[in-house]
mmCIF file of all heavy atoms, coordinates in Angstrom:
data_MODEL
# 
_entry.id   MODEL 
# 
loop_
_atom_site.group_PDB 
_atom_site.id 
_atom_site.type_symbol 
_atom_site.label_atom_id 
_atom_site.label_alt_id 
_atom_site.label_comp_id 
_atom_site.label_asym_id 
_atom_site.label_entity_id 
_atom_site.label_seq_id 
_atom_site.pdbx_PDB_ins_code 
_atom_site.Cartn_x 
_atom_site.Cartn_y 
_atom_site.Cartn_z 
_atom_site.occupancy 
_atom_site.B_iso_or_equiv 
_atom_site.pdbx_formal_charge 
_atom_site.auth_seq_id 
_atom_site.auth_comp_id 
_atom_site.auth_asym_id 
_atom_site.auth_atom_id 
_atom_site.pdbx_PDB_model_num 
ATOM 1   N N   . VAL A 1 1  ? 3.279  -2.210  -7.780  1.00 0.00 ? 1  VAL A N   1 
ATOM 2   C CA  . VAL A 1 1  ? 2.791  -3.372  -7.044  1.00 0.00 ? 1  VAL A CA  1 
ATOM 3   C C   . VAL A 1 1  ? 1.811  -2.966  -5.936  1.00 0.00 ? 1  VAL A C   1 
ATOM 4   O O   . VAL A 1 1  ? 0.888  -3.719  -5.622  1.00 0.00 ? 1  VAL A O   1 
ATOM 5   C CB  . VAL A 1 1  ? 3.949  -4.225  -6.495  1.00 0.00 ? 1  VAL A CB  1 
ATOM 6   C CG1 . VAL A 1 1  ? 4.731  -3.486  -5.415  1.00 0.00 ? 1  VAL A CG1 1 
ATOM 7   C CG2 . VAL A 1 1  ? 3.433  -5.553  -5.964  1.00 0.00 ? 1  VAL A CG2 1 
ATOM 8   N N   . VAL A 1 2  ? 1.965  -1.785  -5.372  1.00 0.00 ? 2  VAL A N   1 
ATOM 9   C CA  . VAL A 1 2  ? 1.010  -1.333  -4.353  1.00 0.00 ? 2  VAL A CA  1 
ATOM 10  C C   . VAL A 1 2  ? -0.354 -1.142  -4.998  1.00 0.00 ? 2  VAL A C   1 
ATOM 11  O O   . VAL A 1 2  ? -1.372 -1.593  -4.461  1.00 0.00 ? 2  VAL A O   1 
ATOM 12  C CB  . VAL A 1 2  ? 1.485  -0.047  -3.652  1.00 0.00 ? 2  VAL A CB  1 
ATOM 13  C CG1 . VAL A 1 2  ? 0.415  0.480   -2.700  1.00 0.00 ? 2  VAL A CG1 1 
ATOM 14  C CG2 . VAL A 1 2  ? 2.787  -0.284  -2.904  1.00 0.00 ? 2  VAL A CG2 1 
ATOM 15  N N   . TYR A 1 3  ? -0.388 -0.508  -6.168  1.00 0.00 ? 3  TYR A N   1 
ATOM 16  C CA  . TYR A 1 3  ? -1.656 -0.330  -6.882  1.00 0.00 ? 3  TYR A CA  1 
ATOM 17  C C   . TYR A 1 3  ? -2.275 -1.677  -7.237  1.00 0.00 ? 3  TYR A C   1 
ATOM 18  O O   . TYR A 1 3  ? -3.486 -1.873  -7.104  1.00 0.00 ? 3  TYR A O   1 
ATOM 19  C CB  . TYR A 1 3  ? -1.450 0.497   -8.154  1.00 0.00 ? 3  TYR A CB  1 
ATOM 20  C CG  . TYR A 1 3  ? -1.023 1.916   -7.895  1.00 0.00 ? 3  TYR A CG  1 
ATOM 21  C CD1 . TYR A 1 3  ? 0.267  2.337   -8.188  1.00 0.00 ? 3  TYR A CD1 1 
ATOM 22  C CD2 . TYR A 1 3  ? -1.913 2.848   -7.359  1.00 0.00 ? 3  TYR A CD2 1 
ATOM 23  C CE1 . TYR A 1 3  ? 0.664  3.643   -7.955  1.00 0.00 ? 3  TYR A CE1 1 
ATOM 24  C CE2 . TYR A 1 3  ? -1.520 4.160   -7.118  1.00 0.00 ? 3  TYR A CE2 1 
ATOM 25  C CZ  . TYR A 1 3  ? -0.235 4.546   -7.416  1.00 0.00 ? 3  TYR A CZ  1 
ATOM 26  O OH  . TYR A 1 3  ? 0.160  5.835   -7.186  1.00 0.00 ? 3  TYR A OH  1 
ATOM 27  N N   . GLN A 1 4  ? -1.446 -2.605  -7.702  1.00 0.00 ? 4  GLN A N   1 
ATOM 28  C CA  . GLN A 1 4  ? -1.953 -3.934  -8.058  1.00 0.00 ? 4  GLN A CA  1 
ATOM 29  C C   . GLN A 1 4  ? -2.543 -4.633  -6.843  1.00 0.00 ? 4  GLN A C   1 
ATOM 30  O O   . GLN A 1 4  ? -3.602 -5.256  -6.928  1.00 0.00 ? 4  GLN A O   1 
ATOM 31  C CB  . GLN A 1 4  ? -0.829 -4.788  -8.657  1.00 0.00 ? 4  GLN A CB  1 
ATOM 32  C CG  . GLN A 1 4  ? -0.364 -4.324  -10.011 1.00 0.00 ? 4  GLN A CG  1 
ATOM 33  C CD  . GLN A 1 4  ? 0.891  -5.045  -10.470 1.00 0.00 ? 4  GLN A CD  1 
ATOM 34  O OE1 . GLN A 1 4  ? 1.872  -5.137  -9.736  1.00 0.00 ? 4  GLN A OE1 1 
ATOM 35  N NE2 . GLN A 1 4  ? 0.868  -5.537  -11.705 1.00 0.00 ? 4  GLN A NE2 1 
ATOM 36  N N   . ALA A 1 5  ? -1.858 -4.557  -5.720  1.00 0.00 ? 5  ALA A N   1 
ATOM 37  C CA  . ALA A 1 5  ? -2.345 -5.200  -4.499  1.00 0.00 ? 5  ALA A CA  1 
ATOM 38  C C   . ALA A 1 5  ? -3.668 -4.583  -4.060  1.00 0.00 ? 5  ALA A C   1 
ATOM 39  O O   . ALA A 1 5  ? -4.633 -5.302  -3.780  1.00 0.00 ? 5  ALA A O   1 
ATOM 40  C CB  . ALA A 1 5  ? -1.303 -5.085  -3.386  1.00 0.00 ? 5  ALA A CB  1 
ATOM 41  N N   . LEU A 1 6  ? -3.722 -3.267  -3.987  1.00 0.00 ? 6  LEU A N   1 
ATOM 42  C CA  . LEU A 1 6  ? -4.944 -2.598  -3.541  1.00 0.00 ? 6  LEU A CA  1 
ATOM 43  C C   . LEU A 1 6  ? -6.103 -2.881  -4.488  1.00 0.00 ? 6  LEU A C   1 
ATOM 44  O O   . LEU A 1 6  ? -7.233 -3.114  -4.040  1.00 0.00 ? 6  LEU A O   1 
ATOM 45  C CB  . LEU A 1 6  ? -4.700 -1.092  -3.398  1.00 0.00 ? 6  LEU A CB  1 
ATOM 46  C CG  . LEU A 1 6  ? -3.644 -0.678  -2.362  1.00 0.00 ? 6  LEU A CG  1 
ATOM 47  C CD1 . LEU A 1 6  ? -3.423 0.831   -2.390  1.00 0.00 ? 6  LEU A CD1 1 
ATOM 48  C CD2 . LEU A 1 6  ? -3.994 -1.163  -0.965  1.00 0.00 ? 6  LEU A CD2 1 
ATOM 49  N N   . ALA A 1 7  ? -5.831 -2.894  -5.789  1.00 0.00 ? 7  ALA A N   1 
ATOM 50  C CA  . ALA A 1 7  ? -6.882 -3.157  -6.772  1.00 0.00 ? 7  ALA A CA  1 
ATOM 51  C C   . ALA A 1 7  ? -7.440 -4.570  -6.650  1.00 0.00 ? 7  ALA A C   1 
ATOM 52  O O   . ALA A 1 7  ? -8.603 -4.813  -6.977  1.00 0.00 ? 7  ALA A O   1 
ATOM 53  C CB  . ALA A 1 7  ? -6.354 -2.923  -8.194  1.00 0.00 ? 7  ALA A CB  1 
ATOM 54  N N   . THR A 1 8  ? -6.626 -5.501  -6.168  1.00 0.00 ? 8  THR A N   1 
ATOM 55  C CA  . THR A 1 8  ? -7.109 -6.874  -5.990  1.00 0.00 ? 8  THR A CA  1 
ATOM 56  C C   . THR A 1 8  ? -7.577 -7.124  -4.556  1.00 0.00 ? 8  THR A C   1 
ATOM 57  O O   . THR A 1 8  ? -7.852 -8.261  -4.187  1.00 0.00 ? 8  THR A O   1 
ATOM 58  C CB  . THR A 1 8  ? -6.032 -7.907  -6.372  1.00 0.00 ? 8  THR A CB  1 
ATOM 59  O OG1 . THR A 1 8  ? -4.843 -7.652  -5.638  1.00 0.00 ? 8  THR A OG1 1 
ATOM 60  C CG2 . THR A 1 8  ? -5.735 -7.864  -7.853  1.00 0.00 ? 8  THR A CG2 1 
ATOM 61  N N   . GLY A 1 9  ? -7.667 -6.055  -3.774  1.00 0.00 ? 9  GLY A N   1 
ATOM 62  C CA  . GLY A 1 9  ? -8.195 -6.183  -2.412  1.00 0.00 ? 9  GLY A CA  1 
ATOM 63  C C   . GLY A 1 9  ? -7.247 -6.854  -1.441  1.00 0.00 ? 9  GLY A C   1 
ATOM 64  O O   . GLY A 1 9  ? -7.680 -7.536  -0.512  1.00 0.00 ? 9  GLY A O   1 
ATOM 65  N N   . LYS A 1 10 ? -5.959 -6.644  -1.634  1.00 0.00 ? 10 LYS A N   1 
ATOM 66  C CA  . LYS A 1 10 ? -4.964 -7.243  -0.738  1.00 0.00 ? 10 LYS A CA  1 
ATOM 67  C C   . LYS A 1 10 ? -4.323 -6.158  0.116   1.00 0.00 ? 10 LYS A C   1 
ATOM 68  O O   . LYS A 1 10 ? -3.832 -5.159  -0.411  1.00 0.00 ? 10 LYS A O   1 
ATOM 69  C CB  . LYS A 1 10 ? -3.865 -7.968  -1.524  1.00 0.00 ? 10 LYS A CB  1 
ATOM 70  C CG  . LYS A 1 10 ? -4.389 -9.077  -2.413  1.00 0.00 ? 10 LYS A CG  1 
ATOM 71  C CD  . LYS A 1 10 ? -5.133 -10.126 -1.625  1.00 0.00 ? 10 LYS A CD  1 
ATOM 72  C CE  . LYS A 1 10 ? -5.732 -11.163 -2.558  1.00 0.00 ? 10 LYS A CE  1 
ATOM 73  N NZ  . LYS A 1 10 ? -6.478 -12.174 -1.854  1.00 0.00 ? 10 LYS A NZ  1 
ATOM 74  N N   . PRO A 1 11 ? -4.289 -6.345  1.422   1.00 0.00 ? 11 PRO A N   1 
ATOM 75  C CA  . PRO A 1 11 ? -3.567 -5.400  2.277   1.00 0.00 ? 11 PRO A CA  1 
ATOM 76  C C   . PRO A 1 11 ? -2.078 -5.421  1.938   1.00 0.00 ? 11 PRO A C   1 
ATOM 77  O O   . PRO A 1 11 ? -1.552 -6.424  1.463   1.00 0.00 ? 11 PRO A O   1 
ATOM 78  C CB  . PRO A 1 11 ? -3.789 -5.938  3.693   1.00 0.00 ? 11 PRO A CB  1 
ATOM 79  C CG  . PRO A 1 11 ? -4.935 -6.879  3.592   1.00 0.00 ? 11 PRO A CG  1 
ATOM 80  C CD  . PRO A 1 11 ? -4.928 -7.404  2.188   1.00 0.00 ? 11 PRO A CD  1 
ATOM 81  N N   . VAL A 1 12 ? -1.416 -4.311  2.211   1.00 0.00 ? 12 VAL A N   1 
ATOM 82  C CA  . VAL A 1 12 ? 0.002  -4.165  1.901   1.00 0.00 ? 12 VAL A CA  1 
ATOM 83  C C   . VAL A 1 12 ? 0.777  -3.894  3.185   1.00 0.00 ? 12 VAL A C   1 
ATOM 84  O O   . VAL A 1 12 ? 0.382  -3.058  3.997   1.00 0.00 ? 12 VAL A O   1 
ATOM 85  C CB  . VAL A 1 12 ? 0.231  -3.004  0.910   1.00 0.00 ? 12 VAL A CB  1 
ATOM 86  C CG1 . VAL A 1 12 ? 1.712  -2.766  0.676   1.00 0.00 ? 12 VAL A CG1 1 
ATOM 87  C CG2 . VAL A 1 12 ? -0.479 -3.271  -0.410  1.00 0.00 ? 12 VAL A CG2 1 
ATOM 88  N N   . VAL A 1 13 ? 1.872  -4.608  3.363   1.00 0.00 ? 13 VAL A N   1 
ATOM 89  C CA  . VAL A 1 13 ? 2.853  -4.276  4.394   1.00 0.00 ? 13 VAL A CA  1 
ATOM 90  C C   . VAL A 1 13 ? 4.004  -3.649  3.627   1.00 0.00 ? 13 VAL A C   1 
ATOM 91  O O   . VAL A 1 13 ? 4.649  -4.314  2.823   1.00 0.00 ? 13 VAL A O   1 
ATOM 92  C CB  . VAL A 1 13 ? 3.318  -5.518  5.184   1.00 0.00 ? 13 VAL A CB  1 
ATOM 93  C CG1 . VAL A 1 13 ? 4.439  -5.142  6.141   1.00 0.00 ? 13 VAL A CG1 1 
ATOM 94  C CG2 . VAL A 1 13 ? 2.148  -6.142  5.938   1.00 0.00 ? 13 VAL A CG2 1 
ATOM 95  N N   . GLY A 1 14 ? 4.212  -2.348  3.840   1.00 0.00 ? 14 GLY A N   1 
ATOM 96  C CA  . GLY A 1 14 ? 5.209  -1.637  3.055   1.00 0.00 ? 14 GLY A CA  1 
ATOM 97  C C   . GLY A 1 14 ? 6.164  -0.821  3.884   1.00 0.00 ? 14 GLY A C   1 
ATOM 98  O O   . GLY A 1 14 ? 5.847  -0.411  5.011   1.00 0.00 ? 14 GLY A O   1 
ATOM 99  N N   . SER A 1 15 ? 7.318  -0.566  3.309   1.00 0.00 ? 15 SER A N   1 
ATOM 100 C CA  . SER A 1 15 ? 8.326  0.274   3.948   1.00 0.00 ? 15 SER A CA  1 
ATOM 101 C C   . SER A 1 15 ? 7.819  1.704   4.070   1.00 0.00 ? 15 SER A C   1 
ATOM 102 O O   . SER A 1 15 ? 7.184  2.231   3.154   1.00 0.00 ? 15 SER A O   1 
ATOM 103 C CB  . SER A 1 15 ? 9.610  0.291   3.123   1.00 0.00 ? 15 SER A CB  1 
ATOM 104 O OG  . SER A 1 15 ? 10.221 -0.959  3.100   1.00 0.00 ? 15 SER A OG  1 
ATOM 105 N N   . ASN A 1 16 ? 8.147  2.315   5.170   1.00 0.00 ? 16 ASN A N   1 
ATOM 106 C CA  . ASN A 1 16 ? 7.761  3.698   5.422   1.00 0.00 ? 16 ASN A CA  1 
ATOM 107 C C   . ASN A 1 16 ? 8.801  4.621   4.784   1.00 0.00 ? 16 ASN A C   1 
ATOM 108 O O   . ASN A 1 16 ? 9.588  5.272   5.461   1.00 0.00 ? 16 ASN A O   1 
ATOM 109 C CB  . ASN A 1 16 ? 7.658  3.932   6.934   1.00 0.00 ? 16 ASN A CB  1 
ATOM 110 C CG  . ASN A 1 16 ? 7.023  5.248   7.266   1.00 0.00 ? 16 ASN A CG  1 
ATOM 111 O OD1 . ASN A 1 16 ? 6.488  5.926   6.400   1.00 0.00 ? 16 ASN A OD1 1 
ATOM 112 N ND2 . ASN A 1 16 ? 7.070  5.621   8.525   1.00 0.00 ? 16 ASN A ND2 1 
ATOM 113 N N   . ILE A 1 17 ? 8.793  4.635   3.445   1.00 0.00 ? 17 ILE A N   1 
ATOM 114 C CA  . ILE A 1 17 ? 9.795  5.396   2.694   1.00 0.00 ? 17 ILE A CA  1 
ATOM 115 C C   . ILE A 1 17 ? 9.209  5.781   1.336   1.00 0.00 ? 17 ILE A C   1 
ATOM 116 O O   . ILE A 1 17 ? 8.377  5.068   0.784   1.00 0.00 ? 17 ILE A O   1 
ATOM 117 C CB  . ILE A 1 17 ? 11.101 4.573   2.523   1.00 0.00 ? 17 ILE A CB  1 
ATOM 118 C CG1 . ILE A 1 17 ? 12.257 5.441   2.044   1.00 0.00 ? 17 ILE A CG1 1 
ATOM 119 C CG2 . ILE A 1 17 ? 10.890 3.367   1.641   1.00 0.00 ? 17 ILE A CG2 1 
ATOM 120 C CD1 . ILE A 1 17 ? 13.610 4.755   2.092   1.00 0.00 ? 17 ILE A CD1 1 
ATOM 121 N N   . GLY A 1 18 ? 9.664  6.908   0.813   1.00 0.00 ? 18 GLY A N   1 
ATOM 122 C CA  . GLY A 1 18 ? 9.234  7.347   -0.508  1.00 0.00 ? 18 GLY A CA  1 
ATOM 123 C C   . GLY A 1 18 ? 7.730  7.566   -0.574  1.00 0.00 ? 18 GLY A C   1 
ATOM 124 O O   . GLY A 1 18 ? 7.124  8.087   0.351   1.00 0.00 ? 18 GLY A O   1 
ATOM 125 N N   . GLY A 1 19 ? 7.123  7.113   -1.659  1.00 0.00 ? 19 GLY A N   1 
ATOM 126 C CA  . GLY A 1 19 ? 5.687  7.290   -1.856  1.00 0.00 ? 19 GLY A CA  1 
ATOM 127 C C   . GLY A 1 19 ? 4.834  6.193   -1.255  1.00 0.00 ? 19 GLY A C   1 
ATOM 128 O O   . GLY A 1 19 ? 3.609  6.278   -1.268  1.00 0.00 ? 19 GLY A O   1 
ATOM 129 N N   . ILE A 1 20 ? 5.453  5.164   -0.697  1.00 0.00 ? 20 ILE A N   1 
ATOM 130 C CA  . ILE A 1 20 ? 4.696  4.041   -0.141  1.00 0.00 ? 20 ILE A CA  1 
ATOM 131 C C   . ILE A 1 20 ? 3.736  4.490   0.965   1.00 0.00 ? 20 ILE A C   1 
ATOM 132 O O   . ILE A 1 20 ? 2.560  4.122   0.950   1.00 0.00 ? 20 ILE A O   1 
ATOM 133 C CB  . ILE A 1 20 ? 5.636  2.905   0.318   1.00 0.00 ? 20 ILE A CB  1 
ATOM 134 C CG1 . ILE A 1 20 ? 6.388  2.335   -0.884  1.00 0.00 ? 20 ILE A CG1 1 
ATOM 135 C CG2 . ILE A 1 20 ? 4.859  1.800   1.033   1.00 0.00 ? 20 ILE A CG2 1 
ATOM 136 C CD1 . ILE A 1 20 ? 7.525  1.384   -0.535  1.00 0.00 ? 20 ILE A CD1 1 
ATOM 137 N N   . PRO A 1 21 ? 4.172  5.339   1.926   1.00 0.00 ? 21 PRO A N   1 
ATOM 138 C CA  . PRO A 1 21 ? 3.237  5.760   2.976   1.00 0.00 ? 21 PRO A CA  1 
ATOM 139 C C   . PRO A 1 21 ? 2.071  6.605   2.459   1.00 0.00 ? 21 PRO A C   1 
ATOM 140 O O   . PRO A 1 21 ? 1.051  6.721   3.131   1.00 0.00 ? 21 PRO A O   1 
ATOM 141 C CB  . PRO A 1 21 ? 4.093  6.574   3.951   1.00 0.00 ? 21 PRO A CB  1 
ATOM 142 C CG  . PRO A 1 21 ? 5.479  6.493   3.493   1.00 0.00 ? 21 PRO A CG  1 
ATOM 143 C CD  . PRO A 1 21 ? 5.522  5.794   2.177   1.00 0.00 ? 21 PRO A CD  1 
ATOM 144 N N   . ASP A 1 22 ? 2.208  7.183   1.268   1.00 0.00 ? 22 ASP A N   1 
ATOM 145 C CA  . ASP A 1 22 ? 1.095  7.923   0.685   1.00 0.00 ? 22 ASP A CA  1 
ATOM 146 C C   . ASP A 1 22 ? 0.013  6.974   0.175   1.00 0.00 ? 22 ASP A C   1 
ATOM 147 O O   . ASP A 1 22 ? -1.147 7.364   0.038   1.00 0.00 ? 22 ASP A O   1 
ATOM 148 C CB  . ASP A 1 22 ? 1.573  8.799   -0.481  1.00 0.00 ? 22 ASP A CB  1 
ATOM 149 C CG  . ASP A 1 22 ? 2.493  9.902   -0.026  1.00 0.00 ? 22 ASP A CG  1 
ATOM 150 O OD1 . ASP A 1 22 ? 2.385  10.351  1.135   1.00 0.00 ? 22 ASP A OD1 1 
ATOM 151 O OD2 . ASP A 1 22 ? 3.357  10.326  -0.831  1.00 0.00 ? 22 ASP A OD2 1 
ATOM 152 N N   . LEU A 1 23 ? 0.380  5.745   -0.128  1.00 0.00 ? 23 LEU A N   1 
ATOM 153 C CA  . LEU A 1 23 ? -0.555 4.770   -0.685  1.00 0.00 ? 23 LEU A CA  1 
ATOM 154 C C   . LEU A 1 23 ? -1.063 3.772   0.344   1.00 0.00 ? 23 LEU A C   1 
ATOM 155 O O   . LEU A 1 23 ? -2.192 3.304   0.259   1.00 0.00 ? 23 LEU A O   1 
ATOM 156 C CB  . LEU A 1 23 ? 0.122  4.008   -1.832  1.00 0.00 ? 23 LEU A CB  1 
ATOM 157 C CG  . LEU A 1 23 ? 0.599  4.857   -3.002  1.00 0.00 ? 23 LEU A CG  1 
ATOM 158 C CD1 . LEU A 1 23 ? 1.430  4.017   -3.969  1.00 0.00 ? 23 LEU A CD1 1 
ATOM 159 C CD2 . LEU A 1 23 ? -0.573 5.501   -3.709  1.00 0.00 ? 23 LEU A CD2 1 
ATOM 160 N N   . VAL A 1 24 ? -0.216 3.412   1.291   1.00 0.00 ? 24 VAL A N   1 
ATOM 161 C CA  . VAL A 1 24 ? -0.580 2.421   2.307   1.00 0.00 ? 24 VAL A CA  1 
ATOM 162 C C   . VAL A 1 24 ? -1.017 3.174   3.565   1.00 0.00 ? 24 VAL A C   1 
ATOM 163 O O   . VAL A 1 24 ? -0.198 3.777   4.238   1.00 0.00 ? 24 VAL A O   1 
ATOM 164 C CB  . VAL A 1 24 ? 0.602  1.474   2.616   1.00 0.00 ? 24 VAL A CB  1 
ATOM 165 C CG1 . VAL A 1 24 ? 0.214  0.475   3.696   1.00 0.00 ? 24 VAL A CG1 1 
ATOM 166 C CG2 . VAL A 1 24 ? 1.052  0.761   1.355   1.00 0.00 ? 24 VAL A CG2 1 
ATOM 167 N N   . THR A 1 25 ? -2.301 3.123   3.822   1.00 0.00 ? 25 THR A N   1 
ATOM 168 C CA  . THR A 1 25 ? -2.850 3.832   4.974   1.00 0.00 ? 25 THR A CA  1 
ATOM 169 C C   . THR A 1 25 ? -3.141 2.848   6.097   1.00 0.00 ? 25 THR A C   1 
ATOM 170 O O   . THR A 1 25 ? -3.046 1.631   5.910   1.00 0.00 ? 25 THR A O   1 
ATOM 171 C CB  . THR A 1 25 ? -4.152 4.549   4.590   1.00 0.00 ? 25 THR A CB  1 
ATOM 172 O OG1 . THR A 1 25 ? -5.138 3.549   4.266   1.00 0.00 ? 25 THR A OG1 1 
ATOM 173 C CG2 . THR A 1 25 ? -3.944 5.478   3.397   1.00 0.00 ? 25 THR A CG2 1 
ATOM 174 N N   . GLU A 1 26 ? -3.537 3.372   7.219   1.00 0.00 ? 26 GLU A N   1 
ATOM 175 C CA  . GLU A 1 26 ? -3.870 2.507   8.354   1.00 0.00 ? 26 GLU A CA  1 
ATOM 176 C C   . GLU A 1 26 ? -4.994 1.533   8.002   1.00 0.00 ? 26 GLU A C   1 
ATOM 177 O O   . GLU A 1 26 ? -5.050 0.428   8.513   1.00 0.00 ? 26 GLU A O   1 
ATOM 178 C CB  . GLU A 1 26 ? -4.275 3.372   9.545   1.00 0.00 ? 26 GLU A CB  1 
ATOM 179 C CG  . GLU A 1 26 ? -4.269 2.620   10.848  1.00 0.00 ? 26 GLU A CG  1 
ATOM 180 C CD  . GLU A 1 26 ? -4.435 3.548   12.030  1.00 0.00 ? 26 GLU A CD  1 
ATOM 181 O OE1 . GLU A 1 26 ? -3.657 4.500   12.146  1.00 0.00 ? 26 GLU A OE1 1 
ATOM 182 O OE2 . GLU A 1 26 ? -5.363 3.300   12.819  1.00 0.00 ? 26 GLU A OE2 1 
ATOM 183 N N   . GLY A 1 27 ? -5.875 1.941   7.093   1.00 0.00 ? 27 GLY A N   1 
ATOM 184 C CA  . GLY A 1 27 ? -6.984 1.083   6.705   1.00 0.00 ? 27 GLY A CA  1 
ATOM 185 C C   . GLY A 1 27 ? -6.657 0.059   5.642   1.00 0.00 ? 27 GLY A C   1 
ATOM 186 O O   . GLY A 1 27 ? -7.382 -0.915  5.456   1.00 0.00 ? 27 GLY A O   1 
ATOM 187 N N   . THR A 1 28 ? -5.549 0.260   4.907   1.00 0.00 ? 28 THR A N   1 
ATOM 188 C CA  . THR A 1 28 ? -5.244 -0.641  3.788   1.00 0.00 ? 28 THR A CA  1 
ATOM 189 C C   . THR A 1 28 ? -3.982 -1.463  3.998   1.00 0.00 ? 28 THR A C   1 
ATOM 190 O O   . THR A 1 28 ? -3.622 -2.257  3.133   1.00 0.00 ? 28 THR A O   1 
ATOM 191 C CB  . THR A 1 28 ? -5.096 0.143   2.470   1.00 0.00 ? 28 THR A CB  1 
ATOM 192 O OG1 . THR A 1 28 ? -4.001 1.064   2.598   1.00 0.00 ? 28 THR A OG1 1 
ATOM 193 C CG2 . THR A 1 28 ? -6.378 0.891   2.121   1.00 0.00 ? 28 THR A CG2 1 
# 
């Protein structure tokens, strides 16, 4: 779902756990 959101140009609010922080940066 993170990939889907980013691919459609949607910012993500995600948990700071697992691989999520590797995908959700300060800019996205």
